[in-house]
């Protein structure tokens, strides 16, 4: 086996510190994204429970059958939000090699990117549903009824 000659200088202590800090941040990021997804699931569950309760005991405006679809919209978006947030928590299967740390680091980065994108989708759906909820509240309170 040939010996490999490497030229250059050893990394400085500051460079080693920052490299280790970046690895720790990346490792903790997966846990942070998953915690945010858990909190989002709890929030959406609470919102949908309160909204369903309000719809059950309230009455939609009469004479506007198309408006009733307006009240189902937030629930449909919350279901999609729950799905996206739940997918953040599901584990993905990766074939990691202990002999190739660069490939392992790349795969972990891919997993983090995947989870982060799903979390952003879930948050986007939540924001859209809250806007839809405001419109539904306007219609419910007879502030604006489309004709």
C-alpha atoms as a PDB file:
ATOM      1  CA  UNK A   1       0.000   0.000   0.000  1.00  0.00           C
ATOM      2  CA  UNK A   2       1.366   3.409  -0.960  1.00  0.00           C
ATOM      3  CA  UNK A   3       1.688   6.143   1.582  1.00  0.00           C
ATOM      4  CA  UNK A   4      -0.214   9.283   0.859  1.00  0.00           C
ATOM      5  CA  UNK A   5       1.712  12.518   1.127  1.00  0.00           C
ATOM      6  CA  UNK A   6      -0.280  15.574   2.015  1.00  0.00           C
ATOM      7  CA  UNK A   7       1.140  19.044   1.799  1.00  0.00           C
ATOM      8  CA  UNK A   8      -0.198  22.035   3.618  1.00  0.00           C
ATOM      9  CA  UNK A   9      -0.613  23.140   7.163  1.00  0.00           C
ATOM     10  CA  UNK A  10      -2.713  21.766   9.958  1.00  0.00           C
ATOM     11  CA  UNK A  11      -5.970  23.579  10.653  1.00  0.00           C
ATOM     12  CA  UNK A  12      -5.751  26.275  13.258  1.00  0.00           C
ATOM     13  CA  UNK A  13      -7.517  25.779  16.612  1.00  0.00           C
ATOM     14  CA  UNK A  14     -10.040  28.455  15.607  1.00  0.00           C
ATOM     15  CA  UNK A  15     -10.772  26.647  12.327  1.00  0.00           C
ATOM     16  CA  UNK A  16     -11.215  23.363  14.190  1.00  0.00           C
ATOM     17  CA  UNK A  17     -13.535  25.052  16.708  1.00  0.00           C
ATOM     18  CA  UNK A  18     -15.809  26.463  14.000  1.00  0.00           C
ATOM     19  CA  UNK A  19     -15.835  23.201  12.087  1.00  0.00           C
ATOM     20  CA  UNK A  20     -16.954  21.369  15.236  1.00  0.00           C
ATOM     21  CA  UNK A  21     -19.535  24.086  15.999  1.00  0.00           C
ATOM     22  CA  UNK A  22     -21.035  23.722  12.513  1.00  0.00           C
ATOM     23  CA  UNK A  23     -21.277  19.957  12.957  1.00  0.00           C
ATOM     24  CA  UNK A  24     -23.048  20.394  16.304  1.00  0.00           C
ATOM     25  CA  UNK A  25     -25.482  22.927  14.854  1.00  0.00           C
ATOM     26  CA  UNK A  26     -26.273  20.612  11.962  1.00  0.00           C
ATOM     27  CA  UNK A  27     -26.785  17.677  14.322  1.00  0.00           C
ATOM     28  CA  UNK A  28     -29.094  19.703  16.576  1.00  0.00           C
ATOM     29  CA  UNK A  29     -31.014  21.124  13.598  1.00  0.00           C
ATOM     30  CA  UNK A  30     -32.793  17.835  12.927  1.00  0.00           C
ATOM     31  CA  UNK A  31     -34.101  17.790  16.506  1.00  0.00           C
ATOM     32  CA  UNK A  32     -35.147  21.451  16.279  1.00  0.00           C
ATOM     33  CA  UNK A  33     -37.089  20.931  13.036  1.00  0.00           C
ATOM     34  CA  UNK A  34     -38.816  17.852  14.476  1.00  0.00           C
ATOM     35  CA  UNK A  35     -39.730  19.754  17.658  1.00  0.00           C
ATOM     36  CA  UNK A  36     -41.215  22.551  15.554  1.00  0.00           C
ATOM     37  CA  UNK A  37     -43.263  19.969  13.628  1.00  0.00           C
ATOM     38  CA  UNK A  38     -44.581  18.514  16.909  1.00  0.00           C
ATOM     39  CA  UNK A  39     -45.619  21.982  18.085  1.00  0.00           C
ATOM     40  CA  UNK A  40     -47.303  22.649  14.756  1.00  0.00           C
ATOM     41  CA  UNK A  41     -49.236  19.385  15.020  1.00  0.00           C
ATOM     42  CA  UNK A  42     -50.441  20.383  18.485  1.00  0.00           C
ATOM     43  CA  UNK A  43     -51.465  23.861  17.311  1.00  0.00           C
ATOM     44  CA  UNK A  44     -53.351  22.578  14.259  1.00  0.00           C
ATOM     45  CA  UNK A  45     -55.100  19.944  16.361  1.00  0.00           C
ATOM     46  CA  UNK A  46     -56.225  22.620  18.827  1.00  0.00           C
ATOM     47  CA  UNK A  47     -57.370  24.985  16.068  1.00  0.00           C
ATOM     48  CA  UNK A  48     -59.308  22.303  14.223  1.00  0.00           C
ATOM     49  CA  UNK A  49     -60.988  21.173  17.451  1.00  0.00           C
ATOM     50  CA  UNK A  50     -62.082  24.706  18.308  1.00  0.00           C
ATOM     51  CA  UNK A  51     -63.204  25.402  14.745  1.00  0.00           C
ATOM     52  CA  UNK A  52     -65.137  22.155  14.474  1.00  0.00           C
ATOM     53  CA  UNK A  53     -66.816  22.949  17.800  1.00  0.00           C
ATOM     54  CA  UNK A  54     -67.756  26.434  16.554  1.00  0.00           C
ATOM     55  CA  UNK A  55     -69.176  25.056  13.292  1.00  0.00           C
ATOM     56  CA  UNK A  56     -71.131  22.343  15.078  1.00  0.00           C
ATOM     57  CA  UNK A  57     -72.891  24.731  17.448  1.00  0.00           C
ATOM     58  CA  UNK A  58     -73.114  27.674  15.070  1.00  0.00           C
ATOM     59  CA  UNK A  59     -75.200  28.068  11.949  1.00  0.00           C
ATOM     60  CA  UNK A  60     -73.806  28.883   8.544  1.00  0.00           C
ATOM     61  CA  UNK A  61     -75.515  31.692   6.671  1.00  0.00           C
ATOM     62  CA  UNK A  62     -78.677  30.420   5.041  1.00  0.00           C
ATOM     63  CA  UNK A  63     -79.456  30.723   1.348  1.00  0.00           C
ATOM     64  CA  UNK A  64     -75.871  30.554   0.163  1.00  0.00           C
ATOM     65  CA  UNK A  65     -74.955  26.917  -0.631  1.00  0.00           C
ATOM     66  CA  UNK A  66     -71.605  27.911  -2.155  1.00  0.00           C
ATOM     67  CA  UNK A  67     -70.634  29.655   1.053  1.00  0.00           C
ATOM     68  CA  UNK A  68     -70.755  26.371   2.981  1.00  0.00           C
ATOM     69  CA  UNK A  69     -67.716  25.229   1.014  1.00  0.00           C
ATOM     70  CA  UNK A  70     -65.957  28.236   2.461  1.00  0.00           C
ATOM     71  CA  UNK A  71     -66.288  26.771   5.944  1.00  0.00           C
ATOM     72  CA  UNK A  72     -64.744  23.424   4.987  1.00  0.00           C
ATOM     73  CA  UNK A  73     -61.632  25.043   3.494  1.00  0.00           C
ATOM     74  CA  UNK A  74     -59.706  25.635   6.732  1.00  0.00           C
ATOM     75  CA  UNK A  75     -60.347  22.062   7.856  1.00  0.00           C
ATOM     76  CA  UNK A  76     -59.077  20.673   4.549  1.00  0.00           C
ATOM     77  CA  UNK A  77     -55.940  22.823   4.754  1.00  0.00           C
ATOM     78  CA  UNK A  78     -55.352  21.755   8.359  1.00  0.00           C
ATOM     79  CA  UNK A  79     -55.511  18.103   7.340  1.00  0.00           C
ATOM     80  CA  UNK A  80     -52.879  18.767   4.674  1.00  0.00           C
ATOM     81  CA  UNK A  81     -50.830  20.706   7.237  1.00  0.00           C
ATOM     82  CA  UNK A  82     -51.014  17.775   9.653  1.00  0.00           C
ATOM     83  CA  UNK A  83     -49.921  15.425   6.898  1.00  0.00           C
ATOM     84  CA  UNK A  84     -46.888  17.545   5.983  1.00  0.00           C
ATOM     85  CA  UNK A  85     -45.904  18.042   9.637  1.00  0.00           C
ATOM     86  CA  UNK A  86     -46.303  14.318  10.326  1.00  0.00           C
ATOM     87  CA  UNK A  87     -44.042  13.465   7.401  1.00  0.00           C
ATOM     88  CA  UNK A  88     -41.328  15.543   9.084  1.00  0.00           C
ATOM     89  CA  UNK A  89     -41.421  13.090  11.993  1.00  0.00           C
ATOM     90  CA  UNK A  90     -41.390   9.894   9.933  1.00  0.00           C
ATOM     91  CA  UNK A  91     -37.911   8.409   9.674  1.00  0.00           C
ATOM     92  CA  UNK A  92     -36.320   7.965   6.271  1.00  0.00           C
ATOM     93  CA  UNK A  93     -34.061   5.091   5.434  1.00  0.00           C
ATOM     94  CA  UNK A  94     -30.469   5.880   4.476  1.00  0.00           C
ATOM     95  CA  UNK A  95     -27.614   3.485   3.929  1.00  0.00           C
ATOM     96  CA  UNK A  96     -24.851   5.149   5.908  1.00  0.00           C
ATOM     97  CA  UNK A  97     -21.291   3.964   5.665  1.00  0.00           C
ATOM     98  CA  UNK A  98     -18.982   4.446   8.639  1.00  0.00           C
ATOM     99  CA  UNK A  99     -16.079   4.378   6.186  1.00  0.00           C
ATOM    100  CA  UNK A 100     -17.237   7.394   4.186  1.00  0.00           C
ATOM    101  CA  UNK A 101     -17.932  10.331   6.519  1.00  0.00           C
ATOM    102  CA  UNK A 102     -18.343  12.803   3.650  1.00  0.00           C
ATOM    103  CA  UNK A 103     -21.157  10.727   2.139  1.00  0.00           C
ATOM    104  CA  UNK A 104     -22.764  10.341   5.564  1.00  0.00           C
ATOM    105  CA  UNK A 105     -22.616  14.089   6.125  1.00  0.00           C
ATOM    106  CA  UNK A 106     -24.165  14.672   2.683  1.00  0.00           C
ATOM    107  CA  UNK A 107     -27.025  12.228   3.390  1.00  0.00           C
ATOM    108  CA  UNK A 108     -27.736  13.812   6.765  1.00  0.00           C
ATOM    109  CA  UNK A 109     -27.813  17.199   5.031  1.00  0.00           C
ATOM    110  CA  UNK A 110     -30.314  15.822   2.512  1.00  0.00           C
ATOM    111  CA  UNK A 111     -32.512  14.490   5.324  1.00  0.00           C
ATOM    112  CA  UNK A 112     -32.419  17.857   7.077  1.00  0.00           C
ATOM    113  CA  UNK A 113     -33.290  19.685   3.856  1.00  0.00           C
ATOM    114  CA  UNK A 114     -36.215  17.298   3.233  1.00  0.00           C
ATOM    115  CA  UNK A 115     -37.587  17.787   6.750  1.00  0.00           C
ATOM    116  CA  UNK A 116     -37.156  21.549   6.584  1.00  0.00           C
ATOM    117  CA  UNK A 117     -39.009  21.780   3.253  1.00  0.00           C
ATOM    118  CA  UNK A 118     -41.917  19.754   4.629  1.00  0.00           C
ATOM    119  CA  UNK A 119     -42.050  21.988   7.703  1.00  0.00           C
ATOM    120  CA  UNK A 120     -42.143  25.082   5.485  1.00  0.00           C
ATOM    121  CA  UNK A 121     -44.975  23.554   3.448  1.00  0.00           C
ATOM    122  CA  UNK A 122     -46.899  22.840   6.660  1.00  0.00           C
ATOM    123  CA  UNK A 123     -46.360  26.395   7.916  1.00  0.00           C
ATOM    124  CA  UNK A 124     -47.433  27.816   4.558  1.00  0.00           C
ATOM    125  CA  UNK A 125     -50.620  25.764   4.651  1.00  0.00           C
ATOM    126  CA  UNK A 126     -51.287  27.000   8.187  1.00  0.00           C
ATOM    127  CA  UNK A 127     -50.898  30.633   7.142  1.00  0.00           C
ATOM    128  CA  UNK A 128     -53.209  30.142   4.138  1.00  0.00           C
ATOM    129  CA  UNK A 129     -55.776  28.400   6.335  1.00  0.00           C
ATOM    130  CA  UNK A 130     -55.720  31.253   8.841  1.00  0.00           C
ATOM    131  CA  UNK A 131     -56.408  33.713   6.029  1.00  0.00           C
ATOM    132  CA  UNK A 132     -59.231  31.478   4.835  1.00  0.00           C
ATOM    133  CA  UNK A 133     -60.521  31.362   8.417  1.00  0.00           C
ATOM    134  CA  UNK A 134     -60.670  35.170   8.540  1.00  0.00           C
ATOM    135  CA  UNK A 135     -62.727  35.228   5.327  1.00  0.00           C
ATOM    136  CA  UNK A 136     -65.034  32.523   6.711  1.00  0.00           C
ATOM    137  CA  UNK A 137     -65.460  34.566   9.910  1.00  0.00           C
ATOM    138  CA  UNK A 138     -66.399  37.635   7.855  1.00  0.00           C
ATOM    139  CA  UNK A 139     -69.052  35.647   6.035  1.00  0.00           C
ATOM    140  CA  UNK A 140     -70.279  34.031   9.255  1.00  0.00           C
ATOM    141  CA  UNK A 141     -70.634  37.390  10.979  1.00  0.00           C
ATOM    142  CA  UNK A 142     -72.471  38.838   7.949  1.00  0.00           C
ATOM    143  CA  UNK A 143     -69.742  41.374   7.370  1.00  0.00           C
ATOM    144  CA  UNK A 144     -69.435  40.247   3.757  1.00  0.00           C
ATOM    145  CA  UNK A 145     -71.587  37.698   1.979  1.00  0.00           C
ATOM    146  CA  UNK A 146     -70.790  37.046  -1.691  1.00  0.00           C
ATOM    147  CA  UNK A 147     -73.764  37.364  -3.979  1.00  0.00           C
END
